[in-house]
Amino acid sequence: MKALLGTIGTRYLIAILNLALIFINAKVLGVEGVGLVGLIIAAMGIATIVCGILSGNTLVYFMNRYSLQKIFLPSYLWIPIGAALACSCMALLGLLPEGYGWEVFILAILNSLVAANSRFLLGKNHIWGFNLTFILQGGGLFFILLLLYYGLNRQDVLAYIWGLYITNGIAFLCSLFLLVPLLKKKEEAERRICSLSTLLKEMFTYGLWGSADNIAETLTTRLNYFLIKRFIGLGGVGLLDAGTKISESVWHINRSIGFIEYSRVAQTDNPTEQKLITLRYFKLACAAVTLATGCILSIPEWFYTDFLFSKEFVGMKEVITGLSIGIIAFAGNSILSQYFIGSGKIRYSAGCSFMGLFTLLIAGSFLIPLYGIVGSAISTSVAFCAMLIFSLTVFCKKTGTQLHEFLINKEDMRFVLNKFK
């Protein structure tokens, strides 16, 4: 519980800074600038996922089967190759923000290197180093941008990009410094011995499913950005991005819980224990995210337009309301997805994400032309709910879980209280 609370606390410290940064960006860059930044970050996220075939959650899974030294080099060498492939495909599909191709490419490499190092640290239960890396990467951006915006008076999108360069660079160097002693440390005999070609084949097989899962999931959460850009323009993307970022701020809870859950599930082969871990973390995540979402929904519209943002952002409340049910559904689904990934059933997680993407395309084709940005928010919620239903169905079938087991009971309360004590 100490590791869990430390991870959640770290992520919410960064979440507060990121929320403050959203408000600052709105004042400095305006609604169109926020929209352009949103598109750049979305493209970088897609490229990072392709890099993550050998450098994402694949690392945590394989670190419990092979030595750190054996999987380190393949993961690093793949990152620039994956970034190049992803950016080329996005350029062909028209998803790469015009004039910012090289920036997306470089940022994807830096972000992936930091992600790889943090996964190595997590796989070795170096939770302190994992959290420090996240603080430097996420929290550092707030202070660097304050310096660029107000200290150096660079108030444009390029300043935001340079802020990402600097913070990701610092996080990479510090995480690598923490990782070097682990790379030098001689490990105990491996559970499995195989050739490099066999290892790469296993990692690619696992990683391709994981990346397909993540790409489908990312497109489910961000494809509407590109659709809104086409139908409404950058201003529409800016409003959608601001509302989405406010709503998704609660996901720091389930993502923190999910990181710990994934590590626990991946470290045991006992199906009963894996099921118990998942159920307890699922209930904890859903309860906490529901409470946090309720607090956000209680904030009135005028608070956003008069204080936090500007009059350009009228409609924030409607966007947040449209996303609210989906935000809670996605939080629960993310816990179930970590179970599938950590227990080696990654195909089900990928199938869930593709179900969400398919549902989004159908719902969005009807709702976006009729209701614009609000329709986009509602279609996202519909997609997230479809993903949760899919995951619940598969989880119950594979583990023999009954629906009443998802309800909070005395055992769950006792478990949480004991951990706090």
Protein backbone atom coordinates (compact mmCIF):
# COMPACT_ATOMS: atom_id res chain seq x y z
CA MET A 1 0.00 0.00 0.00
CA LYS A 2 2.93 2.34 0.67
CA ALA A 3 4.11 1.89 -2.93
CA LEU A 4 0.57 2.37 -4.20
CA LEU A 5 -0.03 5.55 -2.21
CA GLY A 6 3.38 6.89 -3.20
CA THR A 7 2.61 6.28 -6.87
CA ILE A 8 -0.87 7.83 -6.64
CA GLY A 9 0.49 10.77 -4.66
CA THR A 10 3.23 11.33 -7.23
CA ARG A 11 0.80 11.22 -10.11
CA TYR A 12 -1.63 13.60 -8.44
CA LEU A 13 1.14 16.05 -7.66
CA ILE A 14 1.92 16.04 -11.38
CA ALA A 15 -1.79 16.14 -12.21
CA ILE A 16 -2.19 19.37 -10.24
CA LEU A 17 0.74 20.93 -12.07
CA ASN A 18 -0.59 19.72 -15.43
CA LEU A 19 -4.02 21.17 -14.69
CA ALA A 20 -2.41 24.49 -13.85
CA LEU A 21 -0.46 24.22 -17.09
CA ILE A 22 -3.66 23.65 -19.06
CA PHE A 23 -5.00 26.95 -17.73
CA ILE A 24 -1.73 28.75 -18.49
CA ASN A 25 -1.62 27.34 -22.02
CA ALA A 26 -5.18 28.50 -22.58
CA LYS A 27 -4.22 32.05 -21.63
CA VAL A 28 -0.90 32.06 -23.53
CA LEU A 29 -1.66 30.03 -26.66
CA GLY A 30 -5.40 30.56 -27.08
CA VAL A 31 -7.92 27.93 -28.15
CA GLU A 32 -6.25 27.27 -31.53
CA GLY A 33 -2.78 26.97 -29.99
CA VAL A 34 -4.14 24.49 -27.46
CA GLY A 35 -5.69 22.57 -30.34
CA LEU A 36 -2.39 22.38 -32.25
CA VAL A 37 -0.54 21.21 -29.12
CA GLY A 38 -3.23 18.57 -28.64
CA LEU A 39 -2.69 17.24 -32.17
CA ILE A 40 1.11 17.15 -31.71
CA ILE A 41 0.80 15.27 -28.41
CA ALA A 42 -1.70 12.83 -29.95
CA ALA A 43 0.65 12.10 -32.88
CA MET A 44 3.59 11.70 -30.50
CA GLY A 45 1.51 9.28 -28.43
CA ILE A 46 0.76 7.09 -31.45
CA ALA A 47 4.47 6.99 -32.42
CA THR A 48 5.44 6.18 -28.83
CA ILE A 49 3.10 3.20 -28.86
CA VAL A 50 4.82 1.76 -31.94
CA CYS A 51 8.17 2.26 -30.19
CA GLY A 52 6.61 0.46 -27.21
CA ILE A 53 6.46 -2.84 -29.12
CA LEU A 54 9.79 -3.65 -27.47
CA SER A 55 10.04 -0.84 -24.91
CA GLY A 56 6.63 -0.57 -23.21
CA ASN A 57 4.89 -2.98 -20.83
CA THR A 58 6.62 -5.76 -22.78
CA LEU A 59 9.70 -5.02 -20.66
CA VAL A 60 8.00 -5.59 -17.29
CA TYR A 61 6.52 -8.86 -18.54
CA PHE A 62 9.83 -10.21 -19.90
CA MET A 63 11.92 -8.99 -16.97
CA ASN A 64 10.21 -11.66 -14.88
CA ARG A 65 11.41 -14.26 -17.39
CA TYR A 66 14.80 -13.04 -18.62
CA SER A 67 17.62 -10.89 -17.29
CA LEU A 68 17.56 -7.10 -17.56
CA GLN A 69 20.81 -7.12 -19.52
CA LYS A 70 19.37 -9.45 -22.15
CA ILE A 71 16.35 -7.32 -23.04
CA PHE A 72 17.92 -3.88 -22.62
CA LEU A 73 19.71 -3.56 -25.99
CA PRO A 74 16.85 -4.82 -28.22
CA SER A 75 14.44 -2.39 -26.59
CA TYR A 76 16.75 0.60 -27.10
CA LEU A 77 17.65 -0.25 -30.71
CA TRP A 78 14.00 -0.61 -31.70
CA ILE A 79 12.92 2.85 -30.49
CA PRO A 80 14.23 5.02 -33.40
CA ILE A 81 13.10 2.38 -35.90
CA GLY A 82 9.59 2.31 -34.45
CA ALA A 83 9.40 6.12 -34.36
CA ALA A 84 10.42 6.35 -38.02
CA LEU A 85 7.85 3.75 -39.10
CA ALA A 86 5.06 5.39 -37.12
CA CYS A 87 5.77 8.91 -38.37
CA SER A 88 5.98 7.70 -41.98
CA CYS A 89 2.60 5.95 -41.72
CA MET A 90 0.97 8.97 -40.06
CA ALA A 91 2.35 11.23 -42.79
CA LEU A 92 0.81 8.99 -45.46
CA LEU A 93 -2.55 8.95 -43.63
CA GLY A 94 -2.55 12.72 -43.06
CA LEU A 95 -2.44 12.38 -39.25
CA LEU A 96 0.92 14.10 -38.80
CA PRO A 97 0.48 17.81 -37.89
CA GLU A 98 1.67 19.81 -40.89
CA GLY A 99 5.11 21.35 -40.37
CA TYR A 100 5.82 19.42 -37.16
CA GLY A 101 6.92 16.00 -38.45
CA TRP A 102 10.50 16.14 -37.16
CA GLU A 103 9.35 17.45 -33.80
CA VAL A 104 6.94 14.52 -33.39
CA PHE A 105 9.70 12.07 -34.41
CA ILE A 106 12.28 13.40 -31.92
CA LEU A 107 9.76 13.71 -29.09
CA ALA A 108 8.56 10.14 -29.69
CA ILE A 109 12.14 8.85 -29.34
CA LEU A 110 12.80 10.84 -26.16
CA ASN A 111 9.47 9.89 -24.62
CA SER A 112 10.00 6.21 -25.47
CA LEU A 113 13.48 6.16 -23.93
CA VAL A 114 12.07 7.59 -20.71
CA ALA A 115 9.20 5.08 -20.80
CA ALA A 116 11.66 2.19 -21.30
CA ASN A 117 13.83 3.29 -18.37
CA SER A 118 10.81 3.74 -16.11
CA ARG A 119 9.53 0.25 -17.02
CA PHE A 120 12.94 -1.23 -16.23
CA LEU A 121 12.86 0.47 -12.83
CA LEU A 122 9.29 -0.70 -12.21
CA GLY A 123 10.17 -4.26 -13.22
CA LYS A 124 12.91 -4.23 -10.58
CA ASN A 125 10.47 -2.84 -7.98
CA HIS A 126 12.46 0.41 -7.91
CA ILE A 127 9.24 2.34 -7.20
CA TRP A 128 11.11 5.40 -5.91
CA GLY A 129 13.07 5.70 -9.15
CA PHE A 130 9.95 5.05 -11.19
CA ASN A 131 8.10 7.87 -9.42
CA LEU A 132 11.08 10.24 -9.62
CA THR A 133 11.25 9.73 -13.39
CA PHE A 134 7.56 10.57 -13.67
CA ILE A 135 8.01 13.69 -11.53
CA LEU A 136 10.88 14.96 -13.68
CA GLN A 137 9.07 14.24 -16.92
CA GLY A 138 5.63 15.54 -15.93
CA GLY A 139 6.30 18.11 -13.22
CA GLY A 140 9.37 19.61 -14.83
CA LEU A 141 7.37 20.73 -17.85
CA PHE A 142 5.35 23.14 -15.71
CA PHE A 143 8.41 25.02 -14.45
CA ILE A 144 10.29 24.97 -17.76
CA LEU A 145 7.30 26.44 -19.58
CA LEU A 146 6.86 29.14 -16.97
CA LEU A 147 10.47 30.13 -17.67
CA LEU A 148 9.97 30.05 -21.44
CA TYR A 149 6.58 31.81 -21.45
CA TYR A 150 7.26 34.55 -18.92
CA GLY A 151 11.01 34.59 -18.26
CA LEU A 152 12.12 34.48 -21.90
CA ASN A 153 8.80 35.79 -23.29
CA ARG A 154 8.47 32.92 -25.80
CA GLN A 155 4.70 32.50 -25.91
CA ASP A 156 4.05 30.17 -28.82
CA VAL A 157 3.65 26.48 -29.68
CA LEU A 158 7.38 26.14 -30.40
CA ALA A 159 8.13 27.10 -26.80
CA TYR A 160 5.88 24.25 -25.65
CA ILE A 161 7.79 21.83 -27.90
CA TRP A 162 11.14 23.01 -26.49
CA GLY A 163 9.73 22.50 -23.01
CA LEU A 164 9.01 18.87 -23.94
CA TYR A 165 12.54 18.46 -25.31
CA ILE A 166 14.13 19.75 -22.12
CA THR A 167 11.98 17.86 -19.60
CA ASN A 168 12.12 14.54 -21.46
CA GLY A 169 15.88 14.95 -21.83
CA ILE A 170 16.35 15.54 -18.10
CA ALA A 171 14.07 12.61 -17.19
CA PHE A 172 15.98 10.33 -19.57
CA LEU A 173 19.40 11.19 -18.16
CA CYS A 174 18.29 10.84 -14.52
CA SER A 175 16.44 7.55 -15.09
CA LEU A 176 19.45 6.17 -16.99
CA PHE A 177 21.67 7.16 -14.05
CA LEU A 178 19.40 5.13 -11.73
CA LEU A 179 19.30 2.24 -14.17
CA VAL A 180 23.08 1.84 -14.72
CA PRO A 181 23.74 0.14 -11.32
CA LEU A 182 20.97 -2.37 -12.10
CA LEU A 183 22.53 -3.08 -15.50
CA LYS A 184 25.92 -3.71 -13.88
CA LYS A 185 24.49 -5.95 -11.17
CA LYS A 186 24.86 -9.65 -11.83
CA GLU A 187 21.50 -11.38 -11.71
CA GLU A 188 20.62 -14.85 -10.53
CA ALA A 189 20.24 -17.65 -13.06
CA GLU A 190 17.45 -16.99 -15.54
CA ARG A 191 14.30 -19.02 -15.51
CA ARG A 192 14.59 -19.44 -19.27
CA ILE A 193 17.61 -19.66 -21.52
CA CYS A 194 17.23 -18.97 -25.24
CA SER A 195 18.99 -17.41 -28.20
CA LEU A 196 18.66 -13.73 -29.07
CA SER A 197 16.55 -14.56 -32.14
CA THR A 198 14.11 -16.60 -30.03
CA LEU A 199 13.90 -13.80 -27.48
CA LEU A 200 13.21 -11.20 -30.17
CA LYS A 201 10.50 -13.40 -31.66
CA GLU A 202 8.80 -13.77 -28.27
CA MET A 203 9.09 -10.05 -27.52
CA PHE A 204 7.74 -9.04 -30.92
CA THR A 205 4.83 -11.48 -30.64
CA TYR A 206 3.88 -10.13 -27.23
CA GLY A 207 4.73 -6.53 -28.09
CA LEU A 208 2.80 -6.45 -31.37
CA TRP A 209 -0.37 -7.51 -29.59
CA GLY A 210 0.32 -4.95 -26.86
CA SER A 211 0.98 -2.17 -29.37
CA ALA A 212 -2.08 -3.08 -31.42
CA ASP A 213 -4.00 -2.85 -28.16
CA ASN A 214 -2.48 0.53 -27.26
CA ILE A 215 -2.87 2.01 -30.75
CA ALA A 216 -6.53 1.03 -30.85
CA GLU A 217 -7.00 2.42 -27.33
CA THR A 218 -5.20 5.67 -28.17
CA LEU A 219 -7.21 6.11 -31.36
CA THR A 220 -10.36 5.53 -29.32
CA THR A 221 -9.37 8.37 -26.99
CA ARG A 222 -7.82 10.72 -29.57
CA LEU A 223 -9.21 9.97 -33.06
CA ASN A 224 -11.94 12.53 -32.45
CA TYR A 225 -9.24 15.22 -32.35
CA PHE A 226 -8.48 14.63 -36.01
CA LEU A 227 -12.17 14.37 -36.90
CA ILE A 228 -12.99 17.63 -35.13
CA LYS A 229 -9.99 19.28 -36.82
CA ARG A 230 -11.42 18.30 -40.20
CA PHE A 231 -15.03 19.33 -39.54
CA ILE A 232 -14.67 22.30 -37.15
CA GLY A 233 -11.02 23.41 -37.07
CA LEU A 234 -8.25 23.91 -34.50
CA GLY A 235 -10.53 25.92 -32.24
CA GLY A 236 -12.84 22.93 -31.88
CA VAL A 237 -9.86 20.70 -31.11
CA GLY A 238 -8.73 23.17 -28.44
CA LEU A 239 -12.11 23.10 -26.68
CA LEU A 240 -12.33 19.31 -26.89
CA ASP A 241 -8.75 18.92 -25.66
CA ALA A 242 -9.29 21.21 -22.68
CA GLY A 243 -12.47 19.40 -21.63
CA THR A 244 -10.83 16.02 -22.18
CA LYS A 245 -7.75 16.92 -20.14
CA ILE A 246 -9.89 18.12 -17.23
CA SER A 247 -11.98 14.93 -17.32
CA GLU A 248 -9.04 12.59 -17.78
CA SER A 249 -7.17 14.09 -14.83
CA VAL A 250 -8.92 11.51 -12.63
CA TRP A 251 -7.25 8.70 -14.58
CA HIS A 252 -4.09 9.26 -12.57
CA ILE A 253 -5.87 7.21 -9.91
CA ASN A 254 -6.56 4.09 -11.98
CA ARG A 255 -3.27 4.36 -13.87
CA SER A 256 -1.32 4.43 -10.61
CA ILE A 257 -3.33 1.49 -9.32
CA GLY A 258 -2.92 -0.26 -12.67
CA PHE A 259 0.89 0.03 -12.64
CA ILE A 260 1.05 -1.68 -9.24
CA GLU A 261 -1.61 -4.25 -10.20
CA TYR A 262 0.21 -5.14 -13.43
CA SER A 263 3.46 -5.72 -11.57
CA ARG A 264 1.71 -7.92 -8.96
CA VAL A 265 -0.22 -9.96 -11.54
CA ALA A 266 2.86 -10.46 -13.75
CA GLN A 267 4.89 -11.73 -10.78
CA THR A 268 2.56 -14.63 -9.95
CA ASP A 269 1.32 -17.59 -11.97
CA ASN A 270 -1.50 -18.41 -9.54
CA PRO A 271 -4.85 -17.73 -11.34
CA THR A 272 -6.77 -17.40 -8.08
CA GLU A 273 -4.34 -14.83 -6.73
CA GLN A 274 -4.39 -12.92 -10.03
CA LYS A 275 -8.18 -12.79 -9.91
CA LEU A 276 -8.24 -11.60 -6.29
CA ILE A 277 -5.69 -8.85 -6.99
CA THR A 278 -7.67 -7.66 -10.00
CA LEU A 279 -11.03 -7.57 -8.23
CA ARG A 280 -9.70 -5.60 -5.27
CA TYR A 281 -7.92 -3.03 -7.44
CA PHE A 282 -10.93 -2.80 -9.79
CA LYS A 283 -13.24 -1.84 -6.92
CA LEU A 284 -10.74 0.61 -5.48
CA ALA A 285 -10.17 2.31 -8.84
CA CYS A 286 -13.86 2.58 -9.76
CA ALA A 287 -14.88 3.97 -6.37
CA ALA A 288 -12.10 6.57 -6.31
CA VAL A 289 -12.58 7.67 -9.94
CA THR A 290 -16.37 7.96 -9.52
CA LEU A 291 -15.89 10.22 -6.50
CA ALA A 292 -13.32 12.38 -8.31
CA THR A 293 -15.49 12.66 -11.44
CA GLY A 294 -18.44 13.73 -9.32
CA CYS A 295 -16.34 16.55 -7.88
CA ILE A 296 -15.38 17.76 -11.38
CA LEU A 297 -19.02 17.65 -12.53
CA SER A 298 -19.99 19.94 -9.65
CA ILE A 299 -17.85 22.78 -11.04
CA PRO A 300 -20.05 25.35 -12.86
CA GLU A 301 -19.42 26.53 -16.43
CA TRP A 302 -18.66 30.14 -15.46
CA PHE A 303 -15.73 28.97 -13.34
CA TYR A 304 -14.01 27.67 -16.49
CA THR A 305 -14.75 30.64 -18.76
CA ASP A 306 -14.28 33.45 -16.22
CA PHE A 307 -11.37 32.16 -14.14
CA LEU A 308 -9.56 29.08 -15.39
CA PHE A 309 -9.67 29.60 -19.16
CA SER A 310 -11.29 32.36 -21.20
CA LYS A 311 -14.51 33.14 -23.07
CA GLU A 312 -13.09 31.17 -26.05
CA PHE A 313 -13.71 27.99 -24.06
CA VAL A 314 -17.49 28.27 -23.71
CA GLY A 315 -18.98 24.75 -23.74
CA MET A 316 -16.45 23.11 -21.39
CA LYS A 317 -19.15 21.89 -19.01
CA GLU A 318 -21.04 20.12 -21.81
CA VAL A 319 -17.87 18.38 -23.00
CA ILE A 320 -17.03 17.20 -19.47
CA THR A 321 -20.60 16.00 -18.85
CA GLY A 322 -20.61 14.06 -22.12
CA LEU A 323 -17.35 12.35 -21.17
CA SER A 324 -18.14 11.62 -17.50
CA ILE A 325 -19.73 8.15 -17.74
CA GLY A 326 -17.08 7.04 -20.19
CA ILE A 327 -14.30 8.30 -17.91
CA ILE A 328 -15.50 6.01 -15.10
CA ALA A 329 -16.02 3.08 -17.49
CA PHE A 330 -12.53 3.46 -18.92
CA ALA A 331 -11.00 3.55 -15.43
CA GLY A 332 -12.57 0.19 -14.59
CA ASN A 333 -11.64 -1.26 -17.96
CA SER A 334 -7.99 -0.22 -17.56
CA ILE A 335 -7.71 -2.39 -14.44
CA LEU A 336 -9.13 -5.41 -16.28
CA SER A 337 -6.79 -4.72 -19.21
CA GLN A 338 -3.78 -4.78 -16.88
CA TYR A 339 -4.95 -8.20 -15.71
CA PHE A 340 -5.10 -9.50 -19.30
CA ILE A 341 -1.67 -8.07 -20.11
CA GLY A 342 0.00 -9.15 -16.88
CA SER A 343 -1.35 -12.71 -17.06
CA GLY A 344 -0.28 -13.18 -20.68
CA LYS A 345 -3.82 -12.90 -22.12
CA ILE A 346 -2.94 -9.78 -24.06
CA ARG A 347 -5.11 -10.72 -27.07
CA TYR A 348 -8.22 -10.03 -25.02
CA SER A 349 -6.98 -6.57 -24.10
CA ALA A 350 -6.28 -5.88 -27.78
CA GLY A 351 -9.73 -7.18 -28.74
CA CYS A 352 -11.28 -4.84 -26.16
CA SER A 353 -9.47 -1.81 -27.58
CA PHE A 354 -10.51 -2.65 -31.13
CA MET A 355 -14.09 -3.03 -29.92
CA GLY A 356 -13.84 0.49 -28.50
CA LEU A 357 -12.39 1.89 -31.73
CA PHE A 358 -15.07 0.20 -33.85
CA THR A 359 -17.81 1.54 -31.55
CA LEU A 360 -16.31 5.04 -31.65
CA LEU A 361 -16.29 5.10 -35.45
CA ILE A 362 -19.95 4.08 -35.58
CA ALA A 363 -21.13 6.39 -32.77
CA GLY A 364 -18.99 9.28 -34.00
CA SER A 365 -20.27 9.03 -37.57
CA PHE A 366 -23.79 9.73 -36.26
CA LEU A 367 -23.19 12.02 -33.27
CA ILE A 368 -20.39 14.33 -34.47
CA PRO A 369 -22.24 15.65 -37.57
CA LEU A 370 -25.36 16.24 -35.45
CA TYR A 371 -23.93 17.60 -32.18
CA GLY A 372 -20.35 18.61 -33.00
CA ILE A 373 -17.93 18.67 -30.07
CA VAL A 374 -20.52 17.45 -27.56
CA GLY A 375 -21.38 14.60 -29.92
CA SER A 376 -17.69 13.72 -29.99
CA ALA A 377 -17.62 13.55 -26.18
CA ILE A 378 -20.71 11.35 -26.04
CA SER A 379 -19.39 9.00 -28.73
CA THR A 380 -16.21 8.59 -26.69
CA SER A 381 -18.28 7.63 -23.63
CA VAL A 382 -20.24 5.09 -25.67
CA ALA A 383 -16.96 3.55 -26.88
CA PHE A 384 -15.51 3.34 -23.35
CA CYS A 385 -18.68 1.67 -22.04
CA ALA A 386 -18.49 -0.90 -24.85
CA MET A 387 -14.88 -1.64 -23.87
CA LEU A 388 -15.84 -2.20 -20.22
CA ILE A 389 -18.70 -4.54 -21.15
CA PHE A 390 -16.35 -6.55 -23.37
CA SER A 391 -13.67 -6.84 -20.67
CA LEU A 392 -16.15 -7.75 -17.93
CA THR A 393 -17.62 -10.50 -20.12
CA VAL A 394 -14.23 -12.03 -20.93
CA PHE A 395 -12.89 -11.69 -17.38
CA CYS A 396 -15.95 -13.38 -15.87
CA LYS A 397 -15.82 -16.19 -18.42
CA LYS A 398 -12.09 -16.86 -17.99
CA THR A 399 -11.97 -16.63 -14.19
CA GLY A 400 -15.44 -17.90 -13.26
CA THR A 401 -16.24 -14.58 -11.57
CA GLN A 402 -19.85 -13.74 -10.74
CA LEU A 403 -21.11 -10.17 -11.16
CA HIS A 404 -21.82 -9.79 -7.43
CA GLU A 405 -18.09 -10.26 -6.75
CA PHE A 406 -17.49 -6.81 -8.28
CA LEU A 407 -19.46 -5.19 -5.44
CA ILE A 408 -17.49 -3.78 -2.50
CA ASN A 409 -17.75 -6.02 0.58
CA LYS A 410 -16.42 -6.18 4.13
CA GLU A 411 -13.31 -8.08 3.02
CA ASP A 412 -12.38 -5.25 0.66
CA MET A 413 -12.87 -2.63 3.36
CA ARG A 414 -10.81 -4.69 5.81
CA PHE A 415 -8.07 -5.12 3.21
CA VAL A 416 -7.82 -1.36 2.57
CA LEU A 417 -7.93 -0.46 6.28
CA ASN A 418 -5.22 -3.00 7.10
CA LYS A 419 -3.00 -1.61 4.33
CA PHE A 420 -3.45 1.92 5.64
CA LYS A 421 -2.59 0.79 9.16
